[in-house]
Amino acid sequence: MVVLTAICAALYAAILIPFKVVPLIPGITEFRPANAIPVVCSFLFGPAAAWGAAFGNLIGDFFGGLGPGDLFGFLANLLYGLVPYALWEAVTDLPPVPRGPLVAAGLLAVIALAATLCAAVVGWGLHLLGFHPFTVLGTVVLVNNLVVAVVLAPFLLAVLYPRVQRARLLYRDLLGPRLPPPRWRTALGAALVVVGTGAAFAAGELIAGGRWVAPWAAYATASRRLEVGLGLLPLLGLAVGGLALL
């Protein structure tokens, strides 16, 4: 698993770095075809993909200039590589290969959820630091993640998953089977991830746009840094807590 973490990080960074010359928000994010890698590796290698995505993104950030915002990028990519395998394993035993409409729809839903949580964390963190408003950065990161992952990940999984499975390199082959958690815990965890992620992203857009103020963060600052920072914190906590239950 340590070797797979290094491979995921190196692959992610190797595809991220050349596209630093195609910025969407200069100094913050760029066009990222590599965004399919954490999703694909998550279904294949589980926890190794989560840590690989986090460290791979950090390596890529070295080539664009490091700053305090990269801490939130590290956390966002860790979650981006964690959500797909954790949620998929919790709700189904089917292989994540788009061989039917139901499986394909489930894959797209999980990918969309992972992309949304990643965008929410990045938008929240950099708005809190005063770098870019959530309405701009959160939206750009979501679209960037979603378009690339939805287009490439199902195709790559259809090609790679059967081969990795035959090589017995899937994360469950290496870590061994796990005792299934109680159904109530799985249902609660999945619900918290979905609700927390959706609510955090929606709240970020509304608060940053001045259309809503969270009752627990009823401040009035010019940049809305405190409103966004404290307003999203419990909602993101719900999503992370749900992942912990899974």
C-alpha atoms as a PDB file:
ATOM      1  CA  MET A   1       0.000   0.000   0.000  1.00  0.00           C
ATOM      2  CA  VAL A   2       2.921   2.354   0.645  1.00  0.00           C
ATOM      3  CA  VAL A   3       4.275   1.621  -2.829  1.00  0.00           C
ATOM      4  CA  LEU A   4       0.833   2.204  -4.346  1.00  0.00           C
ATOM      5  CA  THR A   5       0.594   5.522  -2.488  1.00  0.00           C
ATOM      6  CA  ALA A   6       3.890   6.599  -4.049  1.00  0.00           C
ATOM      7  CA  ILE A   7       2.758   5.442  -7.499  1.00  0.00           C
ATOM      8  CA  CYS A   8      -0.567   7.328  -7.223  1.00  0.00           C
ATOM      9  CA  ALA A   9       1.215  10.483  -6.034  1.00  0.00           C
ATOM     10  CA  ALA A  10       3.822  10.309  -8.797  1.00  0.00           C
ATOM     11  CA  LEU A  11       1.238   9.662 -11.520  1.00  0.00           C
ATOM     12  CA  TYR A  12      -1.004  12.490 -10.319  1.00  0.00           C
ATOM     13  CA  ALA A  13       1.885  14.964 -10.074  1.00  0.00           C
ATOM     14  CA  ALA A  14       3.348  13.906 -13.440  1.00  0.00           C
ATOM     15  CA  ILE A  15       0.083  14.784 -15.214  1.00  0.00           C
ATOM     16  CA  LEU A  16      -0.602  17.902 -13.144  1.00  0.00           C
ATOM     17  CA  ILE A  17       2.741  19.619 -13.721  1.00  0.00           C
ATOM     18  CA  PRO A  18       2.705  19.994 -17.545  1.00  0.00           C
ATOM     19  CA  PHE A  19      -0.702  21.720 -17.393  1.00  0.00           C
ATOM     20  CA  LYS A  20       0.516  24.433 -15.019  1.00  0.00           C
ATOM     21  CA  VAL A  21       0.902  26.496 -18.192  1.00  0.00           C
ATOM     22  CA  VAL A  22      -2.904  26.451 -18.723  1.00  0.00           C
ATOM     23  CA  PRO A  23      -4.155  28.458 -15.706  1.00  0.00           C
ATOM     24  CA  LEU A  24      -7.844  28.976 -15.014  1.00  0.00           C
ATOM     25  CA  ILE A  25      -7.161  31.160 -11.961  1.00  0.00           C
ATOM     26  CA  PRO A  26      -3.473  32.209 -12.097  1.00  0.00           C
ATOM     27  CA  GLY A  27      -1.514  30.979  -9.109  1.00  0.00           C
ATOM     28  CA  ILE A  28      -4.457  28.975  -7.773  1.00  0.00           C
ATOM     29  CA  THR A  29      -5.730  26.370 -10.234  1.00  0.00           C
ATOM     30  CA  GLU A  30      -5.297  25.328 -13.835  1.00  0.00           C
ATOM     31  CA  PHE A  31      -6.897  23.012 -16.364  1.00  0.00           C
ATOM     32  CA  ARG A  32      -6.394  19.600 -14.760  1.00  0.00           C
ATOM     33  CA  PRO A  33      -6.912  16.465 -16.895  1.00  0.00           C
ATOM     34  CA  ALA A  34      -5.185  14.658 -14.009  1.00  0.00           C
ATOM     35  CA  ASN A  35      -8.339  15.076 -11.894  1.00  0.00           C
ATOM     36  CA  ALA A  36      -9.545  11.680 -13.104  1.00  0.00           C
ATOM     37  CA  ILE A  37      -6.534   9.967 -11.482  1.00  0.00           C
ATOM     38  CA  PRO A  38      -7.607  10.224  -7.792  1.00  0.00           C
ATOM     39  CA  VAL A  39     -11.066   8.874  -8.639  1.00  0.00           C
ATOM     40  CA  VAL A  40      -9.798   5.923 -10.683  1.00  0.00           C
ATOM     41  CA  CYS A  41      -7.051   5.093  -8.185  1.00  0.00           C
ATOM     42  CA  SER A  42      -9.539   5.389  -5.315  1.00  0.00           C
ATOM     43  CA  PHE A  43     -11.670   2.571  -6.714  1.00  0.00           C
ATOM     44  CA  LEU A  44      -8.547   0.499  -7.377  1.00  0.00           C
ATOM     45  CA  PHE A  45      -6.274   1.192  -4.409  1.00  0.00           C
ATOM     46  CA  GLY A  46      -8.487   2.675  -1.686  1.00  0.00           C
ATOM     47  CA  PRO A  47      -6.566   4.513   1.065  1.00  0.00           C
ATOM     48  CA  ALA A  48      -3.395   4.576  -1.035  1.00  0.00           C
ATOM     49  CA  ALA A  49      -5.211   6.733  -3.586  1.00  0.00           C
ATOM     50  CA  ALA A  50      -6.398   9.205  -0.940  1.00  0.00           C
ATOM     51  CA  TRP A  51      -2.883   9.815   0.399  1.00  0.00           C
ATOM     52  CA  GLY A  52      -1.434   9.659  -3.111  1.00  0.00           C
ATOM     53  CA  ALA A  53      -3.846  12.365  -4.301  1.00  0.00           C
ATOM     54  CA  ALA A  54      -2.976  14.590  -1.334  1.00  0.00           C
ATOM     55  CA  PHE A  55       0.790  14.288  -1.750  1.00  0.00           C
ATOM     56  CA  GLY A  56       0.625  14.323  -5.551  1.00  0.00           C
ATOM     57  CA  ASN A  57      -1.283  17.603  -5.469  1.00  0.00           C
ATOM     58  CA  LEU A  58       1.266  19.018  -3.020  1.00  0.00           C
ATOM     59  CA  ILE A  59       4.123  18.015  -5.345  1.00  0.00           C
ATOM     60  CA  GLY A  60       2.323  19.679  -8.245  1.00  0.00           C
ATOM     61  CA  ASP A  61       1.879  22.836  -6.161  1.00  0.00           C
ATOM     62  CA  PHE A  62       5.662  23.093  -5.756  1.00  0.00           C
ATOM     63  CA  PHE A  63       5.795  24.000  -9.451  1.00  0.00           C
ATOM     64  CA  GLY A  64       3.236  26.786  -9.066  1.00  0.00           C
ATOM     65  CA  GLY A  65       4.470  28.281  -5.799  1.00  0.00           C
ATOM     66  CA  LEU A  66       3.563  27.048  -2.324  1.00  0.00           C
ATOM     67  CA  GLY A  67       1.444  29.058   0.102  1.00  0.00           C
ATOM     68  CA  PRO A  68      -0.982  28.649   3.004  1.00  0.00           C
ATOM     69  CA  GLY A  69      -3.785  27.764   0.600  1.00  0.00           C
ATOM     70  CA  ASP A  70      -1.961  24.551  -0.299  1.00  0.00           C
ATOM     71  CA  LEU A  71      -2.886  23.124   3.118  1.00  0.00           C
ATOM     72  CA  PHE A  72      -6.526  23.227   2.057  1.00  0.00           C
ATOM     73  CA  GLY A  73      -5.574  21.764  -1.320  1.00  0.00           C
ATOM     74  CA  PHE A  74      -3.902  18.866   0.500  1.00  0.00           C
ATOM     75  CA  LEU A  75      -7.021  18.218   2.596  1.00  0.00           C
ATOM     76  CA  ALA A  76      -9.380  18.620  -0.369  1.00  0.00           C
ATOM     77  CA  ASN A  77      -7.475  16.121  -2.505  1.00  0.00           C
ATOM     78  CA  LEU A  78      -7.228  13.682   0.407  1.00  0.00           C
ATOM     79  CA  LEU A  79     -11.034  13.716   0.580  1.00  0.00           C
ATOM     80  CA  TYR A  80     -11.293  13.602  -3.218  1.00  0.00           C
ATOM     81  CA  GLY A  81      -9.411  10.298  -3.205  1.00  0.00           C
ATOM     82  CA  LEU A  82     -11.229   9.015  -0.111  1.00  0.00           C
ATOM     83  CA  VAL A  83     -14.906   9.500  -0.985  1.00  0.00           C
ATOM     84  CA  PRO A  84     -15.215   7.213  -4.054  1.00  0.00           C
ATOM     85  CA  TYR A  85     -13.979   3.946  -2.551  1.00  0.00           C
ATOM     86  CA  ALA A  86     -15.378   4.590   0.940  1.00  0.00           C
ATOM     87  CA  LEU A  87     -18.875   5.399  -0.268  1.00  0.00           C
ATOM     88  CA  TRP A  88     -18.943   2.748  -2.999  1.00  0.00           C
ATOM     89  CA  GLU A  89     -17.809   0.003  -0.634  1.00  0.00           C
ATOM     90  CA  ALA A  90     -20.426   1.090   1.908  1.00  0.00           C
ATOM     91  CA  VAL A  91     -23.413   0.894  -0.431  1.00  0.00           C
ATOM     92  CA  THR A  92     -22.653  -1.938  -2.884  1.00  0.00           C
ATOM     93  CA  ASP A  93     -20.562  -5.037  -3.539  1.00  0.00           C
ATOM     94  CA  LEU A  94     -20.612  -4.549  -7.325  1.00  0.00           C
ATOM     95  CA  PRO A  95     -17.353  -3.743  -9.112  1.00  0.00           C
ATOM     96  CA  PRO A  96     -17.099  -0.045 -10.089  1.00  0.00           C
ATOM     97  CA  VAL A  97     -17.202  -0.792 -13.807  1.00  0.00           C
ATOM     98  CA  PRO A  98     -19.948   0.878 -15.913  1.00  0.00           C
ATOM     99  CA  ARG A  99     -21.517  -2.272 -17.351  1.00  0.00           C
ATOM    100  CA  GLY A 100     -25.153  -1.255 -16.847  1.00  0.00           C
ATOM    101  CA  PRO A 101     -27.220   1.906 -16.431  1.00  0.00           C
ATOM    102  CA  LEU A 102     -27.607   1.540 -12.658  1.00  0.00           C
ATOM    103  CA  VAL A 103     -23.898   1.004 -12.029  1.00  0.00           C
ATOM    104  CA  ALA A 104     -23.002   3.826 -14.417  1.00  0.00           C
ATOM    105  CA  ALA A 105     -25.439   6.173 -12.676  1.00  0.00           C
ATOM    106  CA  GLY A 106     -24.048   5.184  -9.283  1.00  0.00           C
ATOM    107  CA  LEU A 107     -20.500   5.828 -10.455  1.00  0.00           C
ATOM    108  CA  LEU A 108     -21.406   9.273 -11.756  1.00  0.00           C
ATOM    109  CA  ALA A 109     -23.185  10.128  -8.488  1.00  0.00           C
ATOM    110  CA  VAL A 110     -20.174   9.106  -6.383  1.00  0.00           C
ATOM    111  CA  ILE A 111     -17.781  11.006  -8.666  1.00  0.00           C
ATOM    112  CA  ALA A 112     -19.982  14.107  -8.463  1.00  0.00           C
ATOM    113  CA  LEU A 113     -20.074  13.885  -4.673  1.00  0.00           C
ATOM    114  CA  ALA A 114     -16.283  13.567  -4.424  1.00  0.00           C
ATOM    115  CA  ALA A 115     -15.794  16.506  -6.801  1.00  0.00           C
ATOM    116  CA  THR A 116     -18.259  18.648  -4.833  1.00  0.00           C
ATOM    117  CA  LEU A 117     -16.605  17.952  -1.476  1.00  0.00           C
ATOM    118  CA  CYS A 118     -13.176  18.745  -2.920  1.00  0.00           C
ATOM    119  CA  ALA A 119     -14.473  22.020  -4.385  1.00  0.00           C
ATOM    120  CA  ALA A 120     -16.232  22.946  -1.141  1.00  0.00           C
ATOM    121  CA  VAL A 121     -13.059  22.485   0.930  1.00  0.00           C
ATOM    122  CA  VAL A 122     -10.863  24.440  -1.504  1.00  0.00           C
ATOM    123  CA  GLY A 123     -13.410  27.240  -1.875  1.00  0.00           C
ATOM    124  CA  TRP A 124     -13.974  27.409   1.886  1.00  0.00           C
ATOM    125  CA  GLY A 125     -10.289  27.481   2.766  1.00  0.00           C
ATOM    126  CA  LEU A 126      -9.182  30.064   0.224  1.00  0.00           C
ATOM    127  CA  HIS A 127     -12.146  32.326   0.900  1.00  0.00           C
ATOM    128  CA  LEU A 128     -11.334  32.127   4.612  1.00  0.00           C
ATOM    129  CA  LEU A 129      -7.763  33.187   3.810  1.00  0.00           C
ATOM    130  CA  GLY A 130      -9.070  36.059   1.686  1.00  0.00           C
ATOM    131  CA  PHE A 131      -7.538  34.849  -1.600  1.00  0.00           C
ATOM    132  CA  HIS A 132     -10.578  34.253  -3.836  1.00  0.00           C
ATOM    133  CA  PRO A 133     -14.351  34.271  -3.274  1.00  0.00           C
ATOM    134  CA  PHE A 134     -16.080  30.915  -2.943  1.00  0.00           C
ATOM    135  CA  THR A 135     -18.479  31.812  -5.750  1.00  0.00           C
ATOM    136  CA  VAL A 136     -15.551  31.928  -8.188  1.00  0.00           C
ATOM    137  CA  LEU A 137     -13.086  29.353  -6.899  1.00  0.00           C
ATOM    138  CA  GLY A 138     -15.583  26.761  -5.648  1.00  0.00           C
ATOM    139  CA  THR A 139     -17.436  26.804  -8.955  1.00  0.00           C
ATOM    140  CA  VAL A 140     -14.279  26.614 -11.084  1.00  0.00           C
ATOM    141  CA  VAL A 141     -12.848  23.702  -9.063  1.00  0.00           C
ATOM    142  CA  LEU A 142     -16.157  21.817  -9.171  1.00  0.00           C
ATOM    143  CA  VAL A 143     -16.529  22.152 -12.941  1.00  0.00           C
ATOM    144  CA  ASN A 144     -12.855  21.341 -13.507  1.00  0.00           C
ATOM    145  CA  ASN A 145     -13.052  18.201 -11.360  1.00  0.00           C
ATOM    146  CA  LEU A 146     -16.438  17.078 -12.570  1.00  0.00           C
ATOM    147  CA  VAL A 147     -16.003  17.407 -16.320  1.00  0.00           C
ATOM    148  CA  VAL A 148     -12.655  15.604 -16.427  1.00  0.00           C
ATOM    149  CA  ALA A 149     -13.579  12.851 -13.963  1.00  0.00           C
ATOM    150  CA  VAL A 150     -17.015  12.141 -15.456  1.00  0.00           C
ATOM    151  CA  VAL A 151     -15.580  11.890 -18.978  1.00  0.00           C
ATOM    152  CA  LEU A 152     -12.412   9.893 -18.251  1.00  0.00           C
ATOM    153  CA  ALA A 153     -12.942   7.894 -15.040  1.00  0.00           C
ATOM    154  CA  PRO A 154     -15.640   5.434 -16.270  1.00  0.00           C
ATOM    155  CA  PHE A 155     -13.605   4.631 -19.401  1.00  0.00           C
ATOM    156  CA  LEU A 156     -10.373   4.153 -17.436  1.00  0.00           C
ATOM    157  CA  LEU A 157     -12.128   1.961 -14.860  1.00  0.00           C
ATOM    158  CA  ALA A 158     -13.600  -0.239 -17.589  1.00  0.00           C
ATOM    159  CA  VAL A 159     -10.090  -0.764 -18.987  1.00  0.00           C
ATOM    160  CA  LEU A 160      -8.022  -0.968 -15.791  1.00  0.00           C
ATOM    161  CA  TYR A 161     -10.239  -2.516 -13.113  1.00  0.00           C
ATOM    162  CA  PRO A 162     -10.437  -6.059 -14.608  1.00  0.00           C
ATOM    163  CA  ARG A 163      -6.661  -6.116 -15.161  1.00  0.00           C
ATOM    164  CA  VAL A 164      -5.800  -4.900 -11.659  1.00  0.00           C
ATOM    165  CA  GLN A 165      -8.331  -7.371 -10.271  1.00  0.00           C
ATOM    166  CA  ARG A 166      -6.693 -10.258 -12.123  1.00  0.00           C
ATOM    167  CA  ALA A 167      -3.305  -9.146 -10.785  1.00  0.00           C
ATOM    168  CA  ARG A 168      -4.783  -9.197  -7.241  1.00  0.00           C
ATOM    169  CA  LEU A 169      -3.637  -5.635  -6.585  1.00  0.00           C
ATOM    170  CA  LEU A 170      -6.994  -4.189  -5.544  1.00  0.00           C
ATOM    171  CA  TYR A 171      -6.844  -2.720  -2.040  1.00  0.00           C
ATOM    172  CA  ARG A 172      -9.078  -5.449  -0.594  1.00  0.00           C
ATOM    173  CA  ASP A 173      -6.717  -8.089  -2.033  1.00  0.00           C
ATOM    174  CA  LEU A 174      -3.869  -6.431  -0.136  1.00  0.00           C
ATOM    175  CA  LEU A 175      -5.651  -5.409   3.065  1.00  0.00           C
ATOM    176  CA  GLY A 176      -7.931  -8.419   3.309  1.00  0.00           C
ATOM    177  CA  PRO A 177     -11.705  -8.481   3.809  1.00  0.00           C
ATOM    178  CA  ARG A 178     -13.221  -6.196   6.397  1.00  0.00           C
ATOM    179  CA  LEU A 179     -16.052  -6.979   8.763  1.00  0.00           C
ATOM    180  CA  PRO A 180     -19.180  -5.217   7.486  1.00  0.00           C
ATOM    181  CA  PRO A 181     -20.271  -2.405   9.810  1.00  0.00           C
ATOM    182  CA  PRO A 182     -23.854  -2.335  11.129  1.00  0.00           C
ATOM    183  CA  ARG A 183     -26.387  -1.223   8.554  1.00  0.00           C
ATOM    184  CA  TRP A 184     -27.460   1.771  10.623  1.00  0.00           C
ATOM    185  CA  ARG A 185     -23.882   2.997  10.703  1.00  0.00           C
ATOM    186  CA  THR A 186     -23.465   2.639   6.944  1.00  0.00           C
ATOM    187  CA  ALA A 187     -26.770   4.379   6.238  1.00  0.00           C
ATOM    188  CA  LEU A 188     -26.012   7.197   8.673  1.00  0.00           C
ATOM    189  CA  GLY A 189     -22.491   7.660   7.341  1.00  0.00           C
ATOM    190  CA  ALA A 190     -23.605   7.787   3.702  1.00  0.00           C
ATOM    191  CA  ALA A 191     -26.425  10.203   4.553  1.00  0.00           C
ATOM    192  CA  LEU A 192     -24.074  12.528   6.438  1.00  0.00           C
ATOM    193  CA  VAL A 193     -21.575  12.565   3.564  1.00  0.00           C
ATOM    194  CA  VAL A 194     -24.286  13.413   1.020  1.00  0.00           C
ATOM    195  CA  VAL A 195     -26.091  15.997   3.148  1.00  0.00           C
ATOM    196  CA  GLY A 196     -22.931  17.598   4.540  1.00  0.00           C
ATOM    197  CA  THR A 197     -21.288  17.885   1.118  1.00  0.00           C
ATOM    198  CA  GLY A 198     -24.327  19.292  -0.659  1.00  0.00           C
ATOM    199  CA  ALA A 199     -25.163  21.683   2.175  1.00  0.00           C
ATOM    200  CA  ALA A 200     -21.564  22.922   2.482  1.00  0.00           C
ATOM    201  CA  PHE A 201     -21.251  23.730  -1.214  1.00  0.00           C
ATOM    202  CA  ALA A 202     -24.677  25.368  -1.418  1.00  0.00           C
ATOM    203  CA  ALA A 203     -24.009  27.379   1.755  1.00  0.00           C
ATOM    204  CA  GLY A 204     -20.656  28.526   0.387  1.00  0.00           C
ATOM    205  CA  GLU A 205     -22.269  29.851  -2.780  1.00  0.00           C
ATOM    206  CA  LEU A 206     -25.103  31.564  -0.888  1.00  0.00           C
ATOM    207  CA  ILE A 207     -23.014  33.083   1.910  1.00  0.00           C
ATOM    208  CA  ALA A 208     -20.209  34.287  -0.366  1.00  0.00           C
ATOM    209  CA  GLY A 209     -22.799  35.783  -2.722  1.00  0.00           C
ATOM    210  CA  GLY A 210     -24.483  37.653   0.130  1.00  0.00           C
ATOM    211  CA  ARG A 211     -27.762  35.782  -0.267  1.00  0.00           C
ATOM    212  CA  TRP A 212     -27.775  33.993   3.101  1.00  0.00           C
ATOM    213  CA  VAL A 213     -26.102  34.173   6.493  1.00  0.00           C
ATOM    214  CA  ALA A 214     -25.739  31.085   8.677  1.00  0.00           C
ATOM    215  CA  PRO A 215     -27.430  31.656  12.056  1.00  0.00           C
ATOM    216  CA  TRP A 216     -24.325  30.351  13.851  1.00  0.00           C
ATOM    217  CA  ALA A 217     -22.063  32.754  11.904  1.00  0.00           C
ATOM    218  CA  ALA A 218     -24.129  35.937  11.744  1.00  0.00           C
ATOM    219  CA  TYR A 219     -21.239  38.342  11.242  1.00  0.00           C
ATOM    220  CA  ALA A 220     -20.895  41.260   8.846  1.00  0.00           C
ATOM    221  CA  THR A 221     -17.457  41.586   7.241  1.00  0.00           C
ATOM    222  CA  ALA A 222     -16.667  43.209   3.905  1.00  0.00           C
ATOM    223  CA  SER A 223     -15.082  40.083   2.406  1.00  0.00           C
ATOM    224  CA  ARG A 224     -17.438  37.642   4.208  1.00  0.00           C
ATOM    225  CA  ARG A 225     -14.388  35.665   5.350  1.00  0.00           C
ATOM    226  CA  LEU A 226     -15.798  34.896   8.801  1.00  0.00           C
ATOM    227  CA  GLU A 227     -19.273  34.214   7.468  1.00  0.00           C
ATOM    228  CA  VAL A 228     -17.965  31.628   5.017  1.00  0.00           C
ATOM    229  CA  GLY A 229     -15.275  30.236   7.333  1.00  0.00           C
ATOM    230  CA  LEU A 230     -17.539  29.618  10.319  1.00  0.00           C
ATOM    231  CA  GLY A 231     -20.692  29.046   8.302  1.00  0.00           C
ATOM    232  CA  LEU A 232     -19.307  26.060   6.391  1.00  0.00           C
ATOM    233  CA  LEU A 233     -17.282  24.529   9.209  1.00  0.00           C
ATOM    234  CA  PRO A 234     -20.077  22.429  10.840  1.00  0.00           C
ATOM    235  CA  LEU A 235     -21.414  21.342   7.444  1.00  0.00           C
ATOM    236  CA  LEU A 236     -18.004  20.125   6.308  1.00  0.00           C
ATOM    237  CA  GLY A 237     -17.714  18.463   9.717  1.00  0.00           C
ATOM    238  CA  LEU A 238     -20.858  16.476   8.937  1.00  0.00           C
ATOM    239  CA  ALA A 239     -19.330  15.185   5.703  1.00  0.00           C
ATOM    240  CA  VAL A 240     -16.033  14.241   7.360  1.00  0.00           C
ATOM    241  CA  GLY A 241     -17.899  12.625  10.255  1.00  0.00           C
ATOM    242  CA  GLY A 242     -19.931  10.571   7.789  1.00  0.00           C
ATOM    243  CA  LEU A 243     -16.723   9.356   6.115  1.00  0.00           C
ATOM    244  CA  ALA A 244     -15.383   8.346   9.533  1.00  0.00           C
ATOM    245  CA  LEU A 245     -18.481   6.211  10.091  1.00  0.00           C
ATOM    246  CA  LEU A 246     -17.956   4.461   6.771  1.00  0.00           C
END
